[in-house]
């Protein structure tokens, strides 16, 4: 059974930083892509960033490019999202997701089969 557990969310002031973690278990290998999405209250789920199984290719939404960095540690089966220069509009619940096709950093939510429960991020202005 695949499980994803996000952590690291919380309350931070505008301009601050947070690092989210997504720990994966139940996967037989590291040949999967990981994506991060977020959903703000009253809004649709939004793609944020993704990384291929090897970690060699990443993809970012324009709204976070240059501020967020996705990385992965396949030994620990954990993916990280470093978020810098946070803005109030970054406030949302952040979710990580796994795609069993690890060849590409997929940007659509329907390209992912497994999801975590989410971790809330609140940025105060």
N, C-alpha and C. Protein backbone atom coordinates (compact mmCIF):
# COMPACT_ATOMS: atom_id res chain seq x y z
N UNK A 1 0.86 -1.19 0.00
CA UNK A 1 0.00 0.00 0.00
C UNK A 1 0.89 1.24 0.00
N UNK A 2 0.67 2.08 -0.99
CA UNK A 2 1.47 3.29 -1.10
C UNK A 2 0.94 4.35 -0.14
N UNK A 3 1.85 4.94 0.59
CA UNK A 3 1.48 6.03 1.49
C UNK A 3 2.43 7.20 1.30
N UNK A 4 1.86 8.39 1.30
CA UNK A 4 2.64 9.62 1.22
C UNK A 4 2.28 10.47 2.42
N UNK A 5 3.29 10.95 3.11
CA UNK A 5 3.05 11.77 4.28
C UNK A 5 3.81 13.08 4.13
N UNK A 6 3.06 14.17 4.04
CA UNK A 6 3.67 15.49 3.96
C UNK A 6 3.89 16.06 5.36
N UNK A 7 4.91 16.87 5.47
CA UNK A 7 5.17 17.57 6.73
C UNK A 7 5.91 18.86 6.42
N UNK A 8 5.98 19.72 7.44
CA UNK A 8 6.75 20.95 7.30
C UNK A 8 5.93 22.20 7.09
N UNK A 9 4.63 22.04 6.93
CA UNK A 9 3.80 23.22 6.76
C UNK A 9 3.66 23.99 8.06
N UNK A 10 3.07 25.18 7.96
CA UNK A 10 2.88 25.99 9.15
C UNK A 10 2.61 27.42 8.80
N UNK A 11 2.78 28.27 9.79
CA UNK A 11 2.54 29.70 9.64
C UNK A 11 3.89 30.41 9.50
N UNK A 12 4.00 31.26 8.51
CA UNK A 12 5.24 31.99 8.27
C UNK A 12 4.90 33.39 7.80
N UNK A 13 5.77 34.32 8.07
CA UNK A 13 5.54 35.69 7.62
C UNK A 13 5.93 35.84 6.15
N UNK A 14 5.32 36.81 5.53
CA UNK A 14 5.65 37.12 4.14
C UNK A 14 7.15 37.37 4.00
N UNK A 15 7.75 36.77 2.98
CA UNK A 15 9.19 36.88 2.78
C UNK A 15 9.98 35.76 3.42
N UNK A 16 9.32 34.97 4.23
CA UNK A 16 9.99 33.89 4.93
C UNK A 16 10.10 32.63 4.08
N UNK A 17 10.59 31.56 4.73
CA UNK A 17 10.83 30.30 4.04
C UNK A 17 10.25 29.13 4.83
N UNK A 18 9.94 28.08 4.10
CA UNK A 18 9.54 26.81 4.69
C UNK A 18 10.09 25.70 3.80
N UNK A 19 10.32 24.55 4.40
CA UNK A 19 10.68 23.38 3.61
C UNK A 19 9.67 22.28 3.90
N UNK A 20 8.99 21.85 2.87
CA UNK A 20 8.05 20.74 2.99
C UNK A 20 8.76 19.44 2.65
N UNK A 21 8.32 18.38 3.30
CA UNK A 21 8.83 17.04 3.02
C UNK A 21 7.68 16.13 2.65
N UNK A 22 7.97 15.17 1.80
CA UNK A 22 6.99 14.16 1.41
C UNK A 22 7.69 12.81 1.50
N UNK A 23 7.31 12.03 2.50
CA UNK A 23 7.91 10.72 2.71
C UNK A 23 7.02 9.66 2.08
N UNK A 24 7.61 8.86 1.22
CA UNK A 24 6.86 7.83 0.50
C UNK A 24 7.19 6.45 1.06
N UNK A 25 6.18 5.62 1.15
CA UNK A 25 6.39 4.23 1.57
C UNK A 25 5.49 3.33 0.74
N UNK A 26 5.85 2.04 0.68
CA UNK A 26 5.03 1.09 -0.05
C UNK A 26 5.35 1.01 -1.53
N UNK A 27 6.37 1.75 -1.97
CA UNK A 27 6.77 1.70 -3.38
C UNK A 27 7.94 0.74 -3.52
N UNK A 28 7.90 -0.10 -4.53
CA UNK A 28 8.91 -1.14 -4.66
C UNK A 28 10.22 -0.62 -5.23
N UNK A 29 10.19 0.53 -5.84
CA UNK A 29 11.42 1.12 -6.36
C UNK A 29 11.26 2.63 -6.37
N UNK A 30 12.30 3.31 -6.80
CA UNK A 30 12.24 4.77 -6.87
C UNK A 30 11.94 5.26 -8.28
N UNK A 31 11.37 4.40 -9.11
CA UNK A 31 11.12 4.76 -10.51
C UNK A 31 9.80 5.51 -10.69
N UNK A 32 9.56 6.49 -9.85
CA UNK A 32 8.32 7.25 -9.92
C UNK A 32 8.65 8.74 -9.91
N UNK A 33 7.77 9.50 -10.46
CA UNK A 33 7.87 10.96 -10.40
C UNK A 33 7.05 11.45 -9.22
N UNK A 34 7.45 12.57 -8.70
CA UNK A 34 6.73 13.19 -7.58
C UNK A 34 6.34 14.60 -7.99
N UNK A 35 5.12 14.94 -7.68
CA UNK A 35 4.65 16.29 -7.93
C UNK A 35 4.15 16.93 -6.66
N UNK A 36 4.24 18.24 -6.62
CA UNK A 36 3.62 19.03 -5.55
C UNK A 36 2.51 19.88 -6.16
N UNK A 37 1.38 19.87 -5.48
CA UNK A 37 0.24 20.69 -5.88
C UNK A 37 -0.21 21.46 -4.65
N UNK A 38 -1.02 22.46 -4.88
CA UNK A 38 -1.61 23.18 -3.76
C UNK A 38 -3.04 23.56 -4.11
N UNK A 39 -3.81 23.75 -3.06
CA UNK A 39 -5.20 24.16 -3.24
C UNK A 39 -5.53 25.19 -2.18
N UNK A 40 -5.81 26.38 -2.63
CA UNK A 40 -6.23 27.44 -1.73
C UNK A 40 -7.74 27.37 -1.55
N UNK A 41 -8.22 27.96 -0.49
CA UNK A 41 -9.65 27.92 -0.18
C UNK A 41 -10.46 28.52 -1.32
N UNK A 42 -11.40 27.75 -1.83
CA UNK A 42 -12.27 28.24 -2.89
C UNK A 42 -11.66 28.22 -4.28
N UNK A 43 -10.46 27.64 -4.39
CA UNK A 43 -9.80 27.62 -5.70
C UNK A 43 -9.52 26.17 -6.13
N UNK A 44 -9.20 26.03 -7.38
CA UNK A 44 -8.89 24.70 -7.90
C UNK A 44 -7.47 24.29 -7.52
N UNK A 45 -7.24 22.98 -7.54
CA UNK A 45 -5.92 22.45 -7.30
C UNK A 45 -4.95 22.95 -8.37
N UNK A 46 -3.78 23.35 -7.93
CA UNK A 46 -2.82 24.00 -8.82
C UNK A 46 -1.48 23.26 -8.80
N UNK A 47 -0.93 23.01 -9.96
CA UNK A 47 0.39 22.41 -10.05
C UNK A 47 1.44 23.40 -9.56
N UNK A 48 2.43 22.87 -8.80
CA UNK A 48 3.50 23.71 -8.28
C UNK A 48 4.84 23.29 -8.84
N UNK A 49 5.18 22.02 -8.67
CA UNK A 49 6.50 21.56 -9.09
C UNK A 49 6.48 20.04 -9.21
N UNK A 50 7.39 19.50 -10.00
CA UNK A 50 7.51 18.06 -10.12
C UNK A 50 8.95 17.69 -10.44
N UNK A 51 9.27 16.42 -10.19
CA UNK A 51 10.63 15.94 -10.40
C UNK A 51 10.58 14.51 -10.89
N UNK A 52 11.47 14.16 -11.81
CA UNK A 52 11.51 12.81 -12.34
C UNK A 52 12.13 11.84 -11.35
N UNK A 53 12.06 10.55 -11.68
CA UNK A 53 12.55 9.52 -10.78
C UNK A 53 14.04 9.69 -10.48
N UNK A 54 14.80 10.10 -11.47
CA UNK A 54 16.24 10.27 -11.26
C UNK A 54 16.59 11.58 -10.58
N UNK A 55 15.64 12.49 -10.57
CA UNK A 55 15.90 13.83 -10.04
C UNK A 55 16.57 14.74 -11.04
N UNK A 56 16.77 14.23 -12.26
CA UNK A 56 17.50 15.01 -13.24
C UNK A 56 16.70 16.08 -13.94
N UNK A 57 15.39 15.95 -13.90
CA UNK A 57 14.54 16.94 -14.58
C UNK A 57 13.47 17.42 -13.62
N UNK A 58 13.30 18.73 -13.62
CA UNK A 58 12.28 19.33 -12.77
C UNK A 58 11.38 20.23 -13.61
N UNK A 59 10.25 20.58 -13.04
CA UNK A 59 9.28 21.42 -13.72
C UNK A 59 8.61 22.28 -12.67
N UNK A 60 8.44 23.56 -12.97
CA UNK A 60 7.83 24.48 -12.01
C UNK A 60 6.73 25.30 -12.66
N UNK A 61 5.75 25.62 -11.86
CA UNK A 61 4.76 26.59 -12.30
C UNK A 61 5.41 27.97 -12.33
N UNK A 62 4.92 28.81 -13.23
CA UNK A 62 5.49 30.14 -13.36
C UNK A 62 5.40 30.96 -12.10
N UNK A 63 4.33 30.71 -11.32
CA UNK A 63 4.09 31.50 -10.11
C UNK A 63 5.12 31.24 -9.02
N UNK A 64 5.85 30.13 -9.10
CA UNK A 64 6.82 29.79 -8.05
C UNK A 64 8.24 29.65 -8.57
N UNK A 65 8.42 29.74 -9.85
CA UNK A 65 9.75 29.56 -10.43
C UNK A 65 10.71 30.61 -9.89
N UNK A 66 11.86 30.16 -9.47
CA UNK A 66 12.85 31.06 -8.88
C UNK A 66 12.70 31.22 -7.39
N UNK A 67 11.58 30.80 -6.83
CA UNK A 67 11.36 30.90 -5.38
C UNK A 67 11.33 29.52 -4.73
N UNK A 68 10.81 28.53 -5.45
CA UNK A 68 10.67 27.18 -4.92
C UNK A 68 11.70 26.26 -5.59
N UNK A 69 12.14 25.26 -4.82
CA UNK A 69 13.06 24.26 -5.36
C UNK A 69 12.61 22.88 -4.91
N UNK A 70 12.43 21.99 -5.87
CA UNK A 70 12.06 20.61 -5.57
C UNK A 70 13.32 19.75 -5.67
N UNK A 71 13.43 18.80 -4.74
CA UNK A 71 14.57 17.88 -4.77
C UNK A 71 14.11 16.56 -4.16
N UNK A 72 14.92 15.53 -4.35
CA UNK A 72 14.54 14.24 -3.80
C UNK A 72 15.77 13.48 -3.32
N UNK A 73 15.52 12.65 -2.31
CA UNK A 73 16.54 11.76 -1.76
C UNK A 73 15.98 10.35 -1.89
N UNK A 74 16.41 9.62 -2.89
CA UNK A 74 15.85 8.30 -3.13
C UNK A 74 16.25 7.28 -2.06
N UNK A 75 17.33 7.53 -1.38
CA UNK A 75 17.73 6.64 -0.28
C UNK A 75 16.70 6.75 0.84
N UNK A 76 16.24 7.95 1.10
CA UNK A 76 15.26 8.17 2.16
C UNK A 76 13.83 8.13 1.63
N UNK A 77 13.65 7.94 0.33
CA UNK A 77 12.31 7.94 -0.28
C UNK A 77 11.54 9.20 0.10
N UNK A 78 12.22 10.31 0.04
CA UNK A 78 11.64 11.59 0.46
C UNK A 78 11.90 12.65 -0.60
N UNK A 79 10.88 13.46 -0.82
CA UNK A 79 10.99 14.59 -1.73
C UNK A 79 10.77 15.86 -0.92
N UNK A 80 11.51 16.88 -1.28
CA UNK A 80 11.46 18.14 -0.55
C UNK A 80 10.99 19.25 -1.46
N UNK A 81 10.34 20.23 -0.85
CA UNK A 81 9.97 21.46 -1.55
C UNK A 81 10.45 22.62 -0.69
N UNK A 82 11.53 23.24 -1.12
CA UNK A 82 12.04 24.42 -0.44
C UNK A 82 11.33 25.64 -0.98
N UNK A 83 10.68 26.38 -0.10
CA UNK A 83 9.89 27.52 -0.50
C UNK A 83 10.49 28.78 0.12
N UNK A 84 10.95 29.67 -0.72
CA UNK A 84 11.55 30.92 -0.26
C UNK A 84 10.72 32.12 -0.73
N UNK A 85 10.97 33.25 -0.14
CA UNK A 85 10.28 34.50 -0.52
C UNK A 85 8.78 34.29 -0.59
N UNK A 86 8.24 33.71 0.44
CA UNK A 86 6.82 33.37 0.45
C UNK A 86 5.95 34.62 0.45
N UNK A 87 4.82 34.49 -0.23
CA UNK A 87 3.86 35.58 -0.36
C UNK A 87 2.52 35.12 0.20
N UNK A 88 1.66 36.06 0.49
CA UNK A 88 0.35 35.70 1.03
C UNK A 88 -0.43 34.81 0.05
N UNK A 89 -0.20 35.01 -1.23
CA UNK A 89 -0.92 34.19 -2.22
C UNK A 89 -0.41 32.75 -2.29
N UNK A 90 0.65 32.43 -1.56
CA UNK A 90 1.12 31.06 -1.47
C UNK A 90 0.37 30.25 -0.42
N UNK A 91 -0.49 30.93 0.32
CA UNK A 91 -1.29 30.26 1.33
C UNK A 91 -2.20 29.22 0.70
N UNK A 92 -2.09 27.98 1.17
CA UNK A 92 -2.87 26.88 0.60
C UNK A 92 -2.54 25.61 1.38
N UNK A 93 -3.28 24.57 1.07
CA UNK A 93 -2.88 23.23 1.50
C UNK A 93 -2.02 22.63 0.39
N UNK A 94 -0.87 22.12 0.77
CA UNK A 94 0.08 21.58 -0.19
C UNK A 94 0.04 20.05 -0.14
N UNK A 95 -0.02 19.47 -1.32
CA UNK A 95 -0.11 18.02 -1.46
C UNK A 95 1.05 17.51 -2.31
N UNK A 96 1.58 16.35 -1.94
CA UNK A 96 2.50 15.67 -2.83
C UNK A 96 1.78 14.48 -3.46
N UNK A 97 2.25 14.08 -4.61
CA UNK A 97 1.61 13.00 -5.35
C UNK A 97 2.66 12.20 -6.10
N UNK A 98 2.34 10.93 -6.34
CA UNK A 98 3.25 10.02 -7.02
C UNK A 98 2.67 9.59 -8.36
N UNK A 99 3.50 9.66 -9.38
CA UNK A 99 3.17 9.06 -10.66
C UNK A 99 4.08 7.86 -10.88
N UNK A 100 3.49 6.72 -11.18
CA UNK A 100 4.31 5.53 -11.39
C UNK A 100 5.16 5.63 -12.66
N UNK A 101 4.84 6.55 -13.54
CA UNK A 101 5.67 6.81 -14.70
C UNK A 101 6.64 7.93 -14.33
N UNK A 102 7.86 7.54 -14.03
CA UNK A 102 8.84 8.50 -13.53
C UNK A 102 9.65 9.21 -14.58
N UNK A 103 9.27 9.06 -15.85
CA UNK A 103 10.11 9.60 -16.92
C UNK A 103 10.02 11.11 -17.06
N UNK A 104 8.92 11.70 -16.60
CA UNK A 104 8.72 13.12 -16.84
C UNK A 104 8.15 13.79 -15.59
N UNK A 105 8.44 15.07 -15.39
CA UNK A 105 7.85 15.80 -14.25
C UNK A 105 6.45 16.30 -14.62
N UNK A 106 5.48 15.41 -14.58
CA UNK A 106 4.14 15.66 -15.09
C UNK A 106 3.49 16.85 -14.38
N UNK A 107 2.81 17.74 -15.14
CA UNK A 107 2.21 18.93 -14.55
C UNK A 107 0.72 18.84 -14.26
N UNK A 108 0.07 17.75 -14.62
CA UNK A 108 -1.39 17.65 -14.43
C UNK A 108 -1.70 16.70 -13.29
N UNK A 109 -2.73 17.06 -12.51
CA UNK A 109 -3.06 16.26 -11.34
C UNK A 109 -3.52 14.86 -11.73
N UNK A 110 -4.12 14.72 -12.92
CA UNK A 110 -4.64 13.41 -13.31
C UNK A 110 -3.55 12.48 -13.82
N UNK A 111 -2.30 12.94 -13.81
CA UNK A 111 -1.18 12.09 -14.17
C UNK A 111 -0.55 11.41 -12.96
N UNK A 112 -1.17 11.61 -11.81
CA UNK A 112 -0.66 11.06 -10.56
C UNK A 112 -1.67 10.10 -9.96
N UNK A 113 -1.15 8.99 -9.43
CA UNK A 113 -2.05 7.94 -8.92
C UNK A 113 -2.23 7.98 -7.40
N UNK A 114 -1.24 8.47 -6.68
CA UNK A 114 -1.30 8.43 -5.21
C UNK A 114 -1.08 9.83 -4.66
N UNK A 115 -1.81 10.13 -3.59
CA UNK A 115 -1.77 11.47 -3.00
C UNK A 115 -1.59 11.39 -1.49
N UNK A 116 -0.91 12.39 -0.97
CA UNK A 116 -0.83 12.54 0.47
C UNK A 116 -2.05 13.26 1.01
N UNK A 117 -2.06 13.46 2.33
CA UNK A 117 -3.21 14.07 2.99
C UNK A 117 -3.12 15.59 3.00
N UNK A 118 -1.97 16.11 2.66
CA UNK A 118 -1.80 17.56 2.58
C UNK A 118 -1.24 18.16 3.86
N UNK A 119 -0.53 19.26 3.70
CA UNK A 119 -0.03 20.02 4.84
C UNK A 119 -0.33 21.49 4.59
N UNK A 120 -0.91 22.19 5.57
CA UNK A 120 -1.30 23.57 5.34
C UNK A 120 -0.14 24.54 5.48
N UNK A 121 -0.12 25.52 4.61
CA UNK A 121 0.85 26.59 4.66
C UNK A 121 0.09 27.91 4.69
N UNK A 122 0.39 28.72 5.69
CA UNK A 122 -0.25 30.03 5.82
C UNK A 122 0.84 31.08 5.85
N UNK A 123 0.73 32.04 4.94
CA UNK A 123 1.70 33.13 4.87
C UNK A 123 0.99 34.41 5.28
N UNK A 124 1.46 34.99 6.36
CA UNK A 124 0.83 36.22 6.85
C UNK A 124 1.56 37.43 6.28
N UNK A 125 0.76 38.42 5.94
CA UNK A 125 1.36 39.65 5.34
C UNK A 125 1.65 40.70 6.40
